[in-house]
Amino acid sequence: MLQEATLVEGIMATRAQVDFLWQFFVTAHIAIFALLFIYDEAVENLNFIARALALGGIGLFEWINGKALVNTYHLLDAFLDQYRALYGQQDRFEPSFFQHFVQMSFEDRPATVLVTHTTAFVVVLLALISREFIQSRRRHRPPTNSI
């Protein structure tokens, strides 16, 4: 049988992993959005193949990070279920701790991951497909003189 301290340590380590994965997601998207806004003209000049490859890479990142988050949330719920089964008697805890730690559930989080990762991907898709999506006004290029 798992000792209580071992389960609590596992729960806390898994929560730290969730935090790391979310921080990685946010950091990567800050960089992606900065590139889309700061290097607007360079992104505008990308050809179809370059845009498709960029979109494919971003889509792959979304899937890998999202899958890692969902799996980690499932593991966290499994840890908490095991903790409740072995040590979750309500009379052992203060009501607030019981509610916010022992009874904590993350079963709704995979849906949250799906929404956030899909939304981020769609925003990048729109920004790469249609530059007007992120530009306030269309830039006018000076006409070139062809001789």
N, C-alpha and C. Protein backbone atom coordinates (compact mmCIF):
# COMPACT_ATOMS: atom_id res chain seq x y z
N MET A 1 0.84 -1.18 0.00
CA MET A 1 0.00 0.00 0.00
C MET A 1 0.89 1.25 0.00
N LEU A 2 0.47 2.22 -0.79
CA LEU A 2 1.21 3.48 -0.86
C LEU A 2 1.04 4.28 0.43
N GLN A 3 2.14 4.84 0.88
CA GLN A 3 2.08 5.69 2.07
C GLN A 3 1.48 7.05 1.69
N GLU A 4 0.86 7.68 2.66
CA GLU A 4 0.20 8.97 2.43
C GLU A 4 1.19 10.01 1.91
N ALA A 5 2.36 10.08 2.50
CA ALA A 5 3.35 11.08 2.08
C ALA A 5 3.78 10.85 0.63
N THR A 6 3.87 9.61 0.21
CA THR A 6 4.25 9.30 -1.17
C THR A 6 3.17 9.76 -2.14
N LEU A 7 1.91 9.54 -1.80
CA LEU A 7 0.82 10.00 -2.66
C LEU A 7 0.77 11.52 -2.74
N VAL A 8 0.92 12.19 -1.61
CA VAL A 8 0.90 13.66 -1.61
C VAL A 8 2.05 14.20 -2.46
N GLU A 9 3.22 13.58 -2.31
CA GLU A 9 4.38 13.99 -3.12
C GLU A 9 4.10 13.80 -4.61
N GLY A 10 3.48 12.69 -4.96
CA GLY A 10 3.13 12.44 -6.36
C GLY A 10 2.12 13.44 -6.88
N ILE A 11 1.14 13.77 -6.06
CA ILE A 11 0.13 14.77 -6.46
C ILE A 11 0.79 16.11 -6.71
N MET A 12 1.66 16.52 -5.81
CA MET A 12 2.32 17.83 -5.95
C MET A 12 3.26 17.85 -7.15
N ALA A 13 3.97 16.76 -7.39
CA ALA A 13 4.87 16.70 -8.54
C ALA A 13 4.08 16.73 -9.85
N THR A 14 2.94 16.09 -9.87
CA THR A 14 2.10 16.09 -11.07
C THR A 14 1.49 17.47 -11.30
N ARG A 15 1.12 18.15 -10.24
CA ARG A 15 0.61 19.52 -10.38
C ARG A 15 1.72 20.44 -10.91
N ALA A 16 2.94 20.22 -10.47
CA ALA A 16 4.07 21.01 -10.98
C ALA A 16 4.28 20.74 -12.47
N GLN A 17 4.08 19.50 -12.89
CA GLN A 17 4.20 19.16 -14.32
C GLN A 17 3.12 19.87 -15.14
N VAL A 18 1.91 19.93 -14.61
CA VAL A 18 0.84 20.66 -15.29
C VAL A 18 1.22 22.13 -15.43
N ASP A 19 1.73 22.73 -14.37
CA ASP A 19 2.16 24.14 -14.42
C ASP A 19 3.24 24.35 -15.48
N PHE A 20 4.21 23.44 -15.53
CA PHE A 20 5.28 23.55 -16.51
C PHE A 20 4.73 23.49 -17.93
N LEU A 21 3.84 22.54 -18.19
CA LEU A 21 3.29 22.40 -19.54
C LEU A 21 2.48 23.62 -19.96
N TRP A 22 1.71 24.21 -19.03
CA TRP A 22 0.98 25.43 -19.35
C TRP A 22 1.94 26.60 -19.60
N GLN A 23 2.98 26.71 -18.78
CA GLN A 23 3.96 27.78 -18.98
C GLN A 23 4.65 27.64 -20.33
N PHE A 24 4.95 26.41 -20.72
CA PHE A 24 5.58 26.16 -22.02
C PHE A 24 4.64 26.58 -23.15
N PHE A 25 3.37 26.24 -23.04
CA PHE A 25 2.37 26.61 -24.03
C PHE A 25 2.28 28.14 -24.16
N VAL A 26 2.17 28.82 -23.04
CA VAL A 26 2.04 30.28 -23.06
C VAL A 26 3.30 30.94 -23.61
N THR A 27 4.46 30.48 -23.19
CA THR A 27 5.73 31.07 -23.66
C THR A 27 5.88 30.89 -25.16
N ALA A 28 5.58 29.71 -25.66
CA ALA A 28 5.68 29.46 -27.09
C ALA A 28 4.73 30.36 -27.87
N HIS A 29 3.54 30.57 -27.35
CA HIS A 29 2.58 31.41 -28.08
C HIS A 29 2.89 32.89 -27.98
N ILE A 30 3.51 33.31 -26.90
CA ILE A 30 3.96 34.70 -26.86
C ILE A 30 4.98 34.92 -27.98
N ALA A 31 5.88 33.98 -28.14
CA ALA A 31 6.89 34.09 -29.20
C ALA A 31 6.25 34.04 -30.58
N ILE A 32 5.31 33.14 -30.79
CA ILE A 32 4.65 33.01 -32.10
C ILE A 32 3.89 34.30 -32.43
N PHE A 33 3.10 34.80 -31.48
CA PHE A 33 2.33 36.01 -31.74
C PHE A 33 3.24 37.22 -31.92
N ALA A 34 4.34 37.27 -31.19
CA ALA A 34 5.29 38.37 -31.38
C ALA A 34 5.87 38.33 -32.79
N LEU A 35 6.23 37.14 -33.25
CA LEU A 35 6.76 37.03 -34.62
C LEU A 35 5.72 37.46 -35.64
N LEU A 36 4.48 37.08 -35.43
CA LEU A 36 3.43 37.45 -36.38
C LEU A 36 3.20 38.96 -36.42
N PHE A 37 3.37 39.64 -35.28
CA PHE A 37 3.13 41.07 -35.24
C PHE A 37 4.38 41.88 -35.55
N ILE A 38 5.52 41.50 -34.99
CA ILE A 38 6.74 42.29 -35.17
C ILE A 38 7.32 42.13 -36.57
N TYR A 39 7.35 40.91 -37.05
CA TYR A 39 7.91 40.64 -38.38
C TYR A 39 6.79 40.46 -39.40
N ASP A 40 5.84 41.36 -39.33
CA ASP A 40 4.65 41.31 -40.16
C ASP A 40 4.98 41.19 -41.64
N GLU A 41 5.88 42.02 -42.12
CA GLU A 41 6.20 42.01 -43.55
C GLU A 41 6.92 40.73 -43.96
N ALA A 42 7.79 40.23 -43.12
CA ALA A 42 8.49 38.98 -43.43
C ALA A 42 7.50 37.82 -43.50
N VAL A 43 6.55 37.81 -42.59
CA VAL A 43 5.53 36.75 -42.61
C VAL A 43 4.65 36.91 -43.84
N GLU A 44 4.36 38.13 -44.21
CA GLU A 44 3.52 38.38 -45.38
C GLU A 44 4.19 37.88 -46.66
N ASN A 45 5.51 37.90 -46.68
CA ASN A 45 6.24 37.47 -47.88
C ASN A 45 6.49 35.97 -47.94
N LEU A 46 6.05 35.22 -46.95
CA LEU A 46 6.22 33.76 -47.00
C LEU A 46 5.37 33.17 -48.12
N ASN A 47 5.95 32.20 -48.82
CA ASN A 47 5.17 31.54 -49.87
C ASN A 47 4.25 30.48 -49.24
N PHE A 48 3.45 29.85 -50.08
CA PHE A 48 2.46 28.87 -49.61
C PHE A 48 3.11 27.71 -48.86
N ILE A 49 4.21 27.19 -49.39
CA ILE A 49 4.88 26.04 -48.78
C ILE A 49 5.43 26.42 -47.40
N ALA A 50 6.05 27.58 -47.29
CA ALA A 50 6.59 28.02 -46.01
C ALA A 50 5.47 28.21 -44.98
N ARG A 51 4.36 28.78 -45.42
CA ARG A 51 3.23 28.96 -44.50
C ARG A 51 2.66 27.61 -44.07
N ALA A 52 2.57 26.68 -45.01
CA ALA A 52 2.04 25.35 -44.69
C ALA A 52 2.97 24.63 -43.70
N LEU A 53 4.27 24.73 -43.91
CA LEU A 53 5.22 24.10 -42.99
C LEU A 53 5.15 24.74 -41.60
N ALA A 54 5.06 26.06 -41.55
CA ALA A 54 4.95 26.75 -40.27
C ALA A 54 3.67 26.33 -39.55
N LEU A 55 2.59 26.29 -40.29
CA LEU A 55 1.32 25.89 -39.70
C LEU A 55 1.35 24.44 -39.24
N GLY A 56 1.99 23.58 -40.02
CA GLY A 56 2.13 22.18 -39.62
C GLY A 56 2.94 22.03 -38.35
N GLY A 57 4.03 22.79 -38.23
CA GLY A 57 4.85 22.75 -37.02
C GLY A 57 4.10 23.25 -35.81
N ILE A 58 3.36 24.31 -35.98
CA ILE A 58 2.57 24.86 -34.87
C ILE A 58 1.46 23.89 -34.49
N GLY A 59 0.82 23.29 -35.48
CA GLY A 59 -0.22 22.30 -35.21
C GLY A 59 0.33 21.10 -34.46
N LEU A 60 1.51 20.65 -34.85
CA LEU A 60 2.15 19.53 -34.16
C LEU A 60 2.47 19.89 -32.71
N PHE A 61 2.97 21.10 -32.50
CA PHE A 61 3.23 21.55 -31.13
C PHE A 61 1.95 21.57 -30.31
N GLU A 62 0.87 22.11 -30.89
CA GLU A 62 -0.41 22.16 -30.17
C GLU A 62 -0.86 20.76 -29.76
N TRP A 63 -0.73 19.81 -30.69
CA TRP A 63 -1.17 18.45 -30.41
C TRP A 63 -0.31 17.80 -29.33
N ILE A 64 1.01 17.91 -29.45
CA ILE A 64 1.91 17.28 -28.47
C ILE A 64 1.71 17.89 -27.09
N ASN A 65 1.69 19.22 -26.99
CA ASN A 65 1.52 19.88 -25.71
C ASN A 65 0.14 19.58 -25.13
N GLY A 66 -0.88 19.63 -25.97
CA GLY A 66 -2.24 19.35 -25.50
C GLY A 66 -2.38 17.93 -25.00
N LYS A 67 -1.80 16.98 -25.74
CA LYS A 67 -1.85 15.57 -25.33
C LYS A 67 -1.11 15.37 -24.00
N ALA A 68 0.03 16.02 -23.85
CA ALA A 68 0.79 15.91 -22.60
C ALA A 68 -0.02 16.48 -21.43
N LEU A 69 -0.67 17.61 -21.66
CA LEU A 69 -1.49 18.20 -20.59
C LEU A 69 -2.66 17.29 -20.22
N VAL A 70 -3.36 16.76 -21.21
CA VAL A 70 -4.50 15.88 -20.94
C VAL A 70 -4.05 14.64 -20.17
N ASN A 71 -2.95 14.02 -20.62
CA ASN A 71 -2.44 12.84 -19.93
C ASN A 71 -2.03 13.15 -18.49
N THR A 72 -1.44 14.31 -18.28
CA THR A 72 -1.02 14.70 -16.94
C THR A 72 -2.22 14.97 -16.05
N TYR A 73 -3.26 15.59 -16.61
CA TYR A 73 -4.49 15.79 -15.83
C TYR A 73 -5.12 14.45 -15.45
N HIS A 74 -5.11 13.48 -16.37
CA HIS A 74 -5.64 12.14 -16.05
C HIS A 74 -4.83 11.49 -14.93
N LEU A 75 -3.51 11.62 -15.01
CA LEU A 75 -2.65 11.07 -13.96
C LEU A 75 -2.94 11.74 -12.62
N LEU A 76 -3.11 13.05 -12.66
CA LEU A 76 -3.41 13.80 -11.42
C LEU A 76 -4.72 13.33 -10.81
N ASP A 77 -5.74 13.14 -11.64
CA ASP A 77 -7.01 12.63 -11.12
C ASP A 77 -6.86 11.23 -10.56
N ALA A 78 -6.03 10.39 -11.20
CA ALA A 78 -5.79 9.04 -10.69
C ALA A 78 -5.11 9.09 -9.32
N PHE A 79 -4.12 9.97 -9.18
CA PHE A 79 -3.47 10.15 -7.87
C PHE A 79 -4.49 10.57 -6.81
N LEU A 80 -5.33 11.55 -7.15
CA LEU A 80 -6.32 12.03 -6.19
C LEU A 80 -7.36 10.97 -5.86
N ASP A 81 -7.77 10.18 -6.85
CA ASP A 81 -8.71 9.09 -6.58
C ASP A 81 -8.10 8.09 -5.60
N GLN A 82 -6.83 7.75 -5.83
CA GLN A 82 -6.15 6.81 -4.94
C GLN A 82 -6.01 7.40 -3.54
N TYR A 83 -5.70 8.67 -3.46
CA TYR A 83 -5.57 9.32 -2.16
C TYR A 83 -6.90 9.30 -1.42
N ARG A 84 -7.99 9.64 -2.12
CA ARG A 84 -9.31 9.63 -1.48
C ARG A 84 -9.68 8.23 -1.00
N ALA A 85 -9.37 7.21 -1.81
CA ALA A 85 -9.72 5.83 -1.45
C ALA A 85 -8.97 5.38 -0.19
N LEU A 86 -7.71 5.76 -0.06
CA LEU A 86 -6.91 5.28 1.06
C LEU A 86 -6.96 6.19 2.29
N TYR A 87 -6.97 7.52 2.03
CA TYR A 87 -6.79 8.45 3.16
C TYR A 87 -7.82 9.58 3.19
N GLY A 88 -8.88 9.50 2.41
CA GLY A 88 -9.77 10.64 2.25
C GLY A 88 -10.93 10.75 3.20
N GLN A 89 -10.79 10.20 4.40
CA GLN A 89 -11.88 10.32 5.38
C GLN A 89 -12.04 11.78 5.78
N GLN A 90 -13.26 12.27 5.67
CA GLN A 90 -13.53 13.69 5.87
C GLN A 90 -13.16 14.16 7.28
N ASP A 91 -13.30 13.32 8.29
CA ASP A 91 -13.03 13.76 9.65
C ASP A 91 -11.55 13.98 9.95
N ARG A 92 -10.67 13.64 9.02
CA ARG A 92 -9.22 13.85 9.19
C ARG A 92 -8.78 15.26 8.82
N PHE A 93 -9.64 16.03 8.15
CA PHE A 93 -9.22 17.29 7.55
C PHE A 93 -10.13 18.45 7.96
N GLU A 94 -9.56 19.62 7.91
CA GLU A 94 -10.36 20.83 8.04
C GLU A 94 -11.26 20.91 6.79
N PRO A 95 -12.47 21.47 6.94
CA PRO A 95 -13.40 21.50 5.80
C PRO A 95 -12.83 22.16 4.54
N SER A 96 -12.13 23.26 4.71
CA SER A 96 -11.59 23.96 3.54
C SER A 96 -10.52 23.12 2.84
N PHE A 97 -9.65 22.50 3.60
CA PHE A 97 -8.61 21.65 3.01
C PHE A 97 -9.24 20.44 2.33
N PHE A 98 -10.24 19.88 2.96
CA PHE A 98 -10.93 18.73 2.38
C PHE A 98 -11.55 19.10 1.04
N GLN A 99 -12.18 20.26 0.99
CA GLN A 99 -12.84 20.70 -0.25
C GLN A 99 -11.83 21.04 -1.34
N HIS A 100 -10.75 21.76 -1.00
CA HIS A 100 -9.84 22.28 -2.00
C HIS A 100 -8.66 21.37 -2.33
N PHE A 101 -8.45 20.33 -1.57
CA PHE A 101 -7.36 19.40 -1.88
C PHE A 101 -7.88 17.98 -2.06
N VAL A 102 -8.49 17.44 -1.03
CA VAL A 102 -8.92 16.04 -1.08
C VAL A 102 -10.00 15.83 -2.14
N GLN A 103 -10.96 16.72 -2.23
CA GLN A 103 -12.07 16.58 -3.17
C GLN A 103 -11.79 17.21 -4.55
N MET A 104 -10.61 17.75 -4.74
CA MET A 104 -10.27 18.41 -6.01
C MET A 104 -10.39 17.42 -7.16
N SER A 105 -10.93 17.89 -8.28
CA SER A 105 -11.05 17.05 -9.48
C SER A 105 -10.64 17.89 -10.69
N PHE A 106 -9.98 17.22 -11.61
CA PHE A 106 -9.53 17.90 -12.82
C PHE A 106 -10.16 17.28 -14.07
N GLU A 107 -11.31 16.63 -13.90
CA GLU A 107 -11.92 15.92 -15.01
C GLU A 107 -12.40 16.84 -16.14
N ASP A 108 -12.64 18.11 -15.82
CA ASP A 108 -13.09 19.05 -16.85
C ASP A 108 -11.93 19.70 -17.62
N ARG A 109 -10.72 19.49 -17.18
CA ARG A 109 -9.57 20.17 -17.78
C ARG A 109 -9.25 19.73 -19.21
N PRO A 110 -9.43 18.46 -19.59
CA PRO A 110 -9.17 18.14 -21.00
C PRO A 110 -10.00 18.98 -21.97
N ALA A 111 -11.23 19.30 -21.60
CA ALA A 111 -12.04 20.17 -22.46
C ALA A 111 -11.45 21.58 -22.53
N THR A 112 -10.93 22.07 -21.41
CA THR A 112 -10.28 23.37 -21.39
C THR A 112 -9.04 23.38 -22.29
N VAL A 113 -8.27 22.31 -22.23
CA VAL A 113 -7.08 22.19 -23.08
C VAL A 113 -7.50 22.20 -24.54
N LEU A 114 -8.55 21.47 -24.88
CA LEU A 114 -9.03 21.44 -26.27
C LEU A 114 -9.42 22.83 -26.75
N VAL A 115 -10.13 23.57 -25.93
CA VAL A 115 -10.58 24.92 -26.30
C VAL A 115 -9.38 25.86 -26.46
N THR A 116 -8.48 25.89 -25.50
CA THR A 116 -7.35 26.83 -25.57
C THR A 116 -6.41 26.51 -26.72
N HIS A 117 -6.08 25.25 -26.91
CA HIS A 117 -5.14 24.87 -27.95
C HIS A 117 -5.76 25.04 -29.35
N THR A 118 -7.03 24.73 -29.48
CA THR A 118 -7.71 24.92 -30.77
C THR A 118 -7.82 26.40 -31.10
N THR A 119 -8.18 27.21 -30.12
CA THR A 119 -8.30 28.65 -30.35
C THR A 119 -6.95 29.25 -30.75
N ALA A 120 -5.90 28.88 -30.05
CA ALA A 120 -4.56 29.40 -30.39
C ALA A 120 -4.18 28.99 -31.81
N PHE A 121 -4.47 27.75 -32.19
CA PHE A 121 -4.13 27.29 -33.53
C PHE A 121 -4.94 28.04 -34.59
N VAL A 122 -6.22 28.25 -34.33
CA VAL A 122 -7.08 28.96 -35.30
C VAL A 122 -6.61 30.40 -35.47
N VAL A 123 -6.21 31.06 -34.40
CA VAL A 123 -5.72 32.43 -34.50
C VAL A 123 -4.46 32.48 -35.36
N VAL A 124 -3.54 31.55 -35.14
CA VAL A 124 -2.31 31.51 -35.95
C VAL A 124 -2.67 31.18 -37.40
N LEU A 125 -3.57 30.24 -37.61
CA LEU A 125 -4.02 29.89 -38.96
C LEU A 125 -4.58 31.12 -39.68
N LEU A 126 -5.45 31.84 -39.02
CA LEU A 126 -6.03 33.04 -39.63
C LEU A 126 -4.97 34.10 -39.91
N ALA A 127 -4.02 34.24 -38.99
CA ALA A 127 -2.97 35.24 -39.17
C ALA A 127 -2.07 34.87 -40.35
N LEU A 128 -1.82 33.59 -40.55
CA LEU A 128 -0.97 33.17 -41.67
C LEU A 128 -1.72 33.18 -43.00
N ILE A 129 -3.00 32.87 -42.97
CA ILE A 129 -3.77 32.83 -44.21
C ILE A 129 -4.15 34.24 -44.65
N SER A 130 -4.63 35.03 -43.72
CA SER A 130 -5.11 36.37 -44.06
C SER A 130 -4.42 37.39 -43.18
N ARG A 131 -3.49 38.13 -43.74
CA ARG A 131 -2.75 39.13 -42.96
C ARG A 131 -3.68 40.23 -42.46
N GLU A 132 -4.80 40.46 -43.14
CA GLU A 132 -5.73 41.49 -42.69
C GLU A 132 -6.33 41.15 -41.33
N PHE A 133 -6.26 39.88 -40.94
CA PHE A 133 -6.79 39.45 -39.66
C PHE A 133 -6.08 40.15 -38.50
N ILE A 134 -4.77 40.43 -38.66
CA ILE A 134 -4.04 41.08 -37.57
C ILE A 134 -3.57 42.49 -37.90
N GLN A 135 -3.78 42.93 -39.12
CA GLN A 135 -3.36 44.28 -39.48
C GLN A 135 -4.53 45.23 -39.31
N SER A 136 -4.23 46.43 -38.81
CA SER A 136 -5.30 47.41 -38.65
C SER A 136 -5.68 48.05 -39.98
N ARG A 137 -4.72 48.16 -40.86
CA ARG A 137 -4.99 48.68 -42.21
C ARG A 137 -4.00 48.05 -43.17
N ARG A 138 -4.40 47.95 -44.38
CA ARG A 138 -3.57 47.33 -45.41
C ARG A 138 -2.43 48.27 -45.78
N ARG A 139 -1.23 47.72 -45.80
CA ARG A 139 -0.08 48.53 -46.21
C ARG A 139 -0.10 48.69 -47.73
N HIS A 140 0.19 49.90 -48.14
CA HIS A 140 0.29 50.17 -49.57
C HIS A 140 1.75 50.19 -49.95
N ARG A 141 2.10 49.34 -50.87
CA ARG A 141 3.47 49.31 -51.34
C ARG A 141 3.63 50.30 -52.48
N PRO A 142 4.77 50.97 -52.52
CA PRO A 142 4.97 51.91 -53.63
C PRO A 142 5.05 51.13 -54.93
N PRO A 143 4.48 51.71 -56.00
CA PRO A 143 4.50 51.00 -57.27
C PRO A 143 5.94 50.85 -57.77
N THR A 144 6.19 49.72 -58.39
CA THR A 144 7.51 49.49 -58.96
C THR A 144 7.49 49.88 -60.42
N ASN A 145 8.57 50.48 -60.84
CA ASN A 145 8.67 50.89 -62.24
C ASN A 145 9.29 49.77 -63.06
N SER A 146 8.53 49.22 -63.93
CA SER A 146 9.03 48.15 -64.81
C SER A 146 9.42 48.76 -66.13
N ILE A 147 10.61 48.50 -66.54
CA ILE A 147 11.09 49.06 -67.82
C ILE A 147 11.42 47.93 -68.75
